[in-house]
């Protein structure tokens, strides 16, 4: 997908980002200090940041270094991320980039598997992209009882085997089958095959 320029009313120019962060930090520090009933002197003693610097930060007259900001965060018992968190600044869209090696589950000369679901997600569903070279196969031992796999072919031709049964699929074809028995996805063509695979545990 191409990236389109956001409408002018949808976001502030990039140049405004540091100023917005500075305004947010100033208000955030002042609110946290007030909530705790601390004076500037008390926060200065707790953080090791000078009273004058804290005053400038709260008045949005200073752009503190990362080290200074971290000291303030620790003094008020927050992580740096929590201190700097700006409502609406965190995207609700999580992206897994194609070249992110963290998500490459397996890679050898005949089969490459890329995880398309978040690694830190406790889930009963897993989503993968499987690339099979000509002659390549992904053979699996039985998963947990009740597990099923749902497969769609994006490129090439594959044969799906499950518990002695087999079907050949082409581009756009889908199949689902038992995965709590020995099963396999085999490249049945002469060129690379690519499939999308969803594993559902029960």
Protein backbone atom coordinates (compact mmCIF):
# COMPACT_ATOMS: atom_id res chain seq x y z
CA UNK A 1 0.00 0.00 0.00
CA UNK A 2 1.25 3.47 -0.78
CA UNK A 3 1.63 5.98 1.98
CA UNK A 4 -0.56 9.01 1.44
CA UNK A 5 0.10 12.38 2.94
CA UNK A 6 -2.21 13.04 5.86
CA UNK A 7 -4.63 15.96 5.51
CA UNK A 8 -3.38 19.15 7.14
CA UNK A 9 -6.08 18.95 9.83
CA UNK A 10 -5.23 15.34 10.76
CA UNK A 11 -1.82 15.88 12.33
CA UNK A 12 0.54 18.62 13.42
CA UNK A 13 3.64 19.28 11.31
CA UNK A 14 6.70 17.27 12.34
CA UNK A 15 8.47 20.46 13.39
CA UNK A 16 5.87 20.95 16.12
CA UNK A 17 6.55 17.56 17.73
CA UNK A 18 9.35 18.70 20.12
CA UNK A 19 7.28 21.68 21.24
CA UNK A 20 4.24 19.47 21.83
CA UNK A 21 6.34 17.03 23.84
CA UNK A 22 7.83 19.86 25.88
CA UNK A 23 4.35 21.24 26.66
CA UNK A 24 3.12 17.81 27.63
CA UNK A 25 6.13 17.11 29.86
CA UNK A 26 5.86 20.45 31.62
CA UNK A 27 2.20 19.93 32.47
CA UNK A 28 2.79 16.28 33.37
CA UNK A 29 5.61 17.03 35.81
CA UNK A 30 3.65 19.82 37.47
CA UNK A 31 0.53 17.65 37.84
CA UNK A 32 2.47 14.72 39.26
CA UNK A 33 4.29 16.98 41.71
CA UNK A 34 1.04 18.62 42.80
CA UNK A 35 -0.71 15.27 43.24
CA UNK A 36 2.04 14.20 45.61
CA UNK A 37 2.00 17.47 47.49
CA UNK A 38 5.65 18.06 46.67
CA UNK A 39 7.33 21.42 46.37
CA UNK A 40 9.84 22.05 43.61
CA UNK A 41 12.52 21.66 46.28
CA UNK A 42 11.19 18.23 47.26
CA UNK A 43 11.16 17.03 43.64
CA UNK A 44 14.64 18.44 43.14
CA UNK A 45 15.91 16.48 46.15
CA UNK A 46 14.20 13.28 44.98
CA UNK A 47 15.36 13.51 41.38
CA UNK A 48 18.74 15.19 41.59
CA UNK A 49 17.53 17.75 39.04
CA UNK A 50 18.01 21.36 40.07
CA UNK A 51 15.03 23.38 41.27
CA UNK A 52 15.62 25.98 38.56
CA UNK A 53 15.64 23.33 35.81
CA UNK A 54 12.41 21.80 37.13
CA UNK A 55 10.82 25.22 37.21
CA UNK A 56 11.84 25.85 33.59
CA UNK A 57 10.46 22.47 32.55
CA UNK A 58 7.12 23.16 34.19
CA UNK A 59 6.96 26.58 32.55
CA UNK A 60 7.79 24.94 29.21
CA UNK A 61 10.95 27.02 28.92
CA UNK A 62 13.36 24.08 28.79
CA UNK A 63 13.78 21.01 26.62
CA UNK A 64 15.40 18.56 29.06
CA UNK A 65 17.83 15.84 28.03
CA UNK A 66 16.85 12.20 28.17
CA UNK A 67 18.98 11.72 31.29
CA UNK A 68 17.18 14.54 33.12
CA UNK A 69 13.77 13.24 32.06
CA UNK A 70 14.69 9.76 33.28
CA UNK A 71 15.69 11.14 36.69
CA UNK A 72 12.32 12.84 37.03
CA UNK A 73 10.48 9.68 36.00
CA UNK A 74 12.31 7.61 38.60
CA UNK A 75 11.66 10.20 41.29
CA UNK A 76 7.90 9.98 40.78
CA UNK A 77 7.93 6.19 40.42
CA UNK A 78 7.20 5.98 36.70
CA UNK A 79 8.97 4.50 33.71
CA UNK A 80 10.27 6.92 31.12
CA UNK A 81 7.56 5.75 28.71
CA UNK A 82 4.78 6.34 31.25
CA UNK A 83 6.04 9.82 32.03
CA UNK A 84 6.23 10.80 28.38
CA UNK A 85 3.02 9.05 27.32
CA UNK A 86 0.80 11.40 25.39
CA UNK A 87 -2.90 10.55 24.98
CA UNK A 88 -3.57 9.63 21.37
CA UNK A 89 0.14 9.48 20.51
CA UNK A 90 0.29 5.69 20.52
CA UNK A 91 -1.07 4.10 17.38
CA UNK A 92 -3.79 1.47 17.72
CA UNK A 93 -2.27 -0.26 14.70
CA UNK A 94 0.54 -2.77 15.32
CA UNK A 95 2.75 -3.43 12.31
CA UNK A 96 4.98 -6.41 11.61
CA UNK A 97 7.45 -5.38 8.91
CA UNK A 98 8.35 -7.87 6.18
CA UNK A 99 12.07 -7.58 6.91
CA UNK A 100 11.79 -7.96 10.69
CA UNK A 101 13.90 -11.07 11.35
CA UNK A 102 12.37 -11.46 14.81
CA UNK A 103 9.28 -12.92 13.17
CA UNK A 104 11.13 -15.35 10.91
CA UNK A 105 10.19 -18.62 12.61
CA UNK A 106 12.15 -20.89 10.27
CA UNK A 107 14.34 -20.34 7.25
CA UNK A 108 16.23 -22.95 5.26
CA UNK A 109 16.77 -23.80 1.61
CA UNK A 110 13.38 -25.52 1.19
CA UNK A 111 11.00 -23.80 3.62
CA UNK A 112 10.61 -20.34 5.16
CA UNK A 113 8.01 -19.57 7.82
CA UNK A 114 7.18 -16.04 8.97
CA UNK A 115 4.97 -15.37 11.97
CA UNK A 116 2.27 -12.79 11.22
CA UNK A 117 0.76 -12.65 14.72
CA UNK A 118 2.28 -10.75 17.69
CA UNK A 119 4.90 -12.76 19.56
CA UNK A 120 3.78 -11.53 22.98
CA UNK A 121 0.11 -12.36 22.47
CA UNK A 122 -1.36 -15.14 24.58
CA UNK A 123 -3.53 -16.70 21.94
CA UNK A 124 -5.42 -19.71 20.68
CA UNK A 125 -4.87 -18.56 17.09
CA UNK A 126 -1.57 -18.25 15.22
CA UNK A 127 -1.05 -16.79 11.74
CA UNK A 128 1.85 -17.65 9.43
CA UNK A 129 3.19 -17.07 5.93
CA UNK A 130 4.83 -20.23 4.56
CA UNK A 131 7.10 -20.21 1.51
CA UNK A 132 8.03 -23.57 -0.01
CA UNK A 133 10.64 -23.96 -2.72
CA UNK A 134 10.05 -26.53 -5.47
CA UNK A 135 10.23 -29.92 -3.81
CA UNK A 136 9.95 -28.38 -0.34
CA UNK A 137 7.59 -29.59 2.37
CA UNK A 138 6.47 -28.65 5.87
CA UNK A 139 5.79 -31.85 7.80
CA UNK A 140 4.42 -31.61 11.32
CA UNK A 141 3.82 -33.97 14.21
CA UNK A 142 0.36 -33.93 15.82
CA UNK A 143 -0.48 -30.74 17.73
CA UNK A 144 -2.75 -30.58 20.78
CA UNK A 145 -6.05 -32.45 20.54
CA UNK A 146 -8.68 -30.48 18.64
CA UNK A 147 -6.18 -28.29 16.75
CA UNK A 148 -7.13 -27.41 13.16
CA UNK A 149 -5.25 -25.56 10.44
CA UNK A 150 -6.79 -23.27 7.81
CA UNK A 151 -4.74 -22.68 4.69
CA UNK A 152 -5.05 -20.42 1.64
CA UNK A 153 -2.74 -20.62 -1.37
CA UNK A 154 -1.38 -17.30 -2.57
CA UNK A 155 1.11 -18.62 -5.11
CA UNK A 156 1.90 -21.97 -6.74
CA UNK A 157 0.40 -25.35 -6.01
CA UNK A 158 0.48 -27.40 -2.81
CA UNK A 159 -0.72 -30.75 -1.55
CA UNK A 160 -2.18 -30.92 1.93
CA UNK A 161 -2.01 -34.21 3.83
CA UNK A 162 -3.82 -35.02 7.08
CA UNK A 163 -4.40 -38.42 8.64
CA UNK A 164 -4.00 -40.31 5.37
CA UNK A 165 -6.15 -37.92 3.34
CA UNK A 166 -4.70 -35.56 0.71
CA UNK A 167 -5.90 -32.71 -1.50
CA UNK A 168 -4.10 -30.59 -4.09
CA UNK A 169 -4.72 -26.84 -4.04
CA UNK A 170 -3.98 -24.01 -6.47
CA UNK A 171 -3.89 -20.23 -6.22
CA UNK A 172 -6.89 -18.89 -4.30
CA UNK A 173 -7.91 -22.30 -2.98
CA UNK A 174 -8.45 -22.80 0.75
CA UNK A 175 -8.63 -25.87 2.95
CA UNK A 176 -8.95 -26.72 6.62
CA UNK A 177 -7.92 -29.98 8.21
CA UNK A 178 -7.09 -31.77 11.43
CA UNK A 179 -3.71 -30.83 12.85
CA UNK A 180 -3.89 -33.09 15.93
CA UNK A 181 -2.63 -35.89 13.66
CA UNK A 182 0.50 -36.05 11.50
CA UNK A 183 0.04 -33.55 8.67
CA UNK A 184 1.99 -31.89 5.89
CA UNK A 185 2.00 -29.07 3.35
CA UNK A 186 3.96 -30.06 0.25
CA UNK A 187 4.90 -27.98 -2.79
CA UNK A 188 3.28 -29.92 -5.62
CA UNK A 189 4.45 -27.59 -8.40
CA UNK A 190 7.67 -26.68 -10.15
CA UNK A 191 7.97 -23.16 -8.77
CA UNK A 192 7.86 -21.52 -5.35
CA UNK A 193 4.60 -21.88 -3.42
CA UNK A 194 3.35 -19.37 -0.85
CA UNK A 195 0.50 -20.09 1.56
CA UNK A 196 -1.09 -18.30 4.47
CA UNK A 197 -1.70 -20.59 7.41
CA UNK A 198 -3.93 -20.09 10.45
CA UNK A 199 -3.59 -22.52 13.35
CA UNK A 200 -6.49 -22.70 15.80
CA UNK A 201 -6.03 -24.46 19.14
CA UNK A 202 -9.01 -25.72 21.12
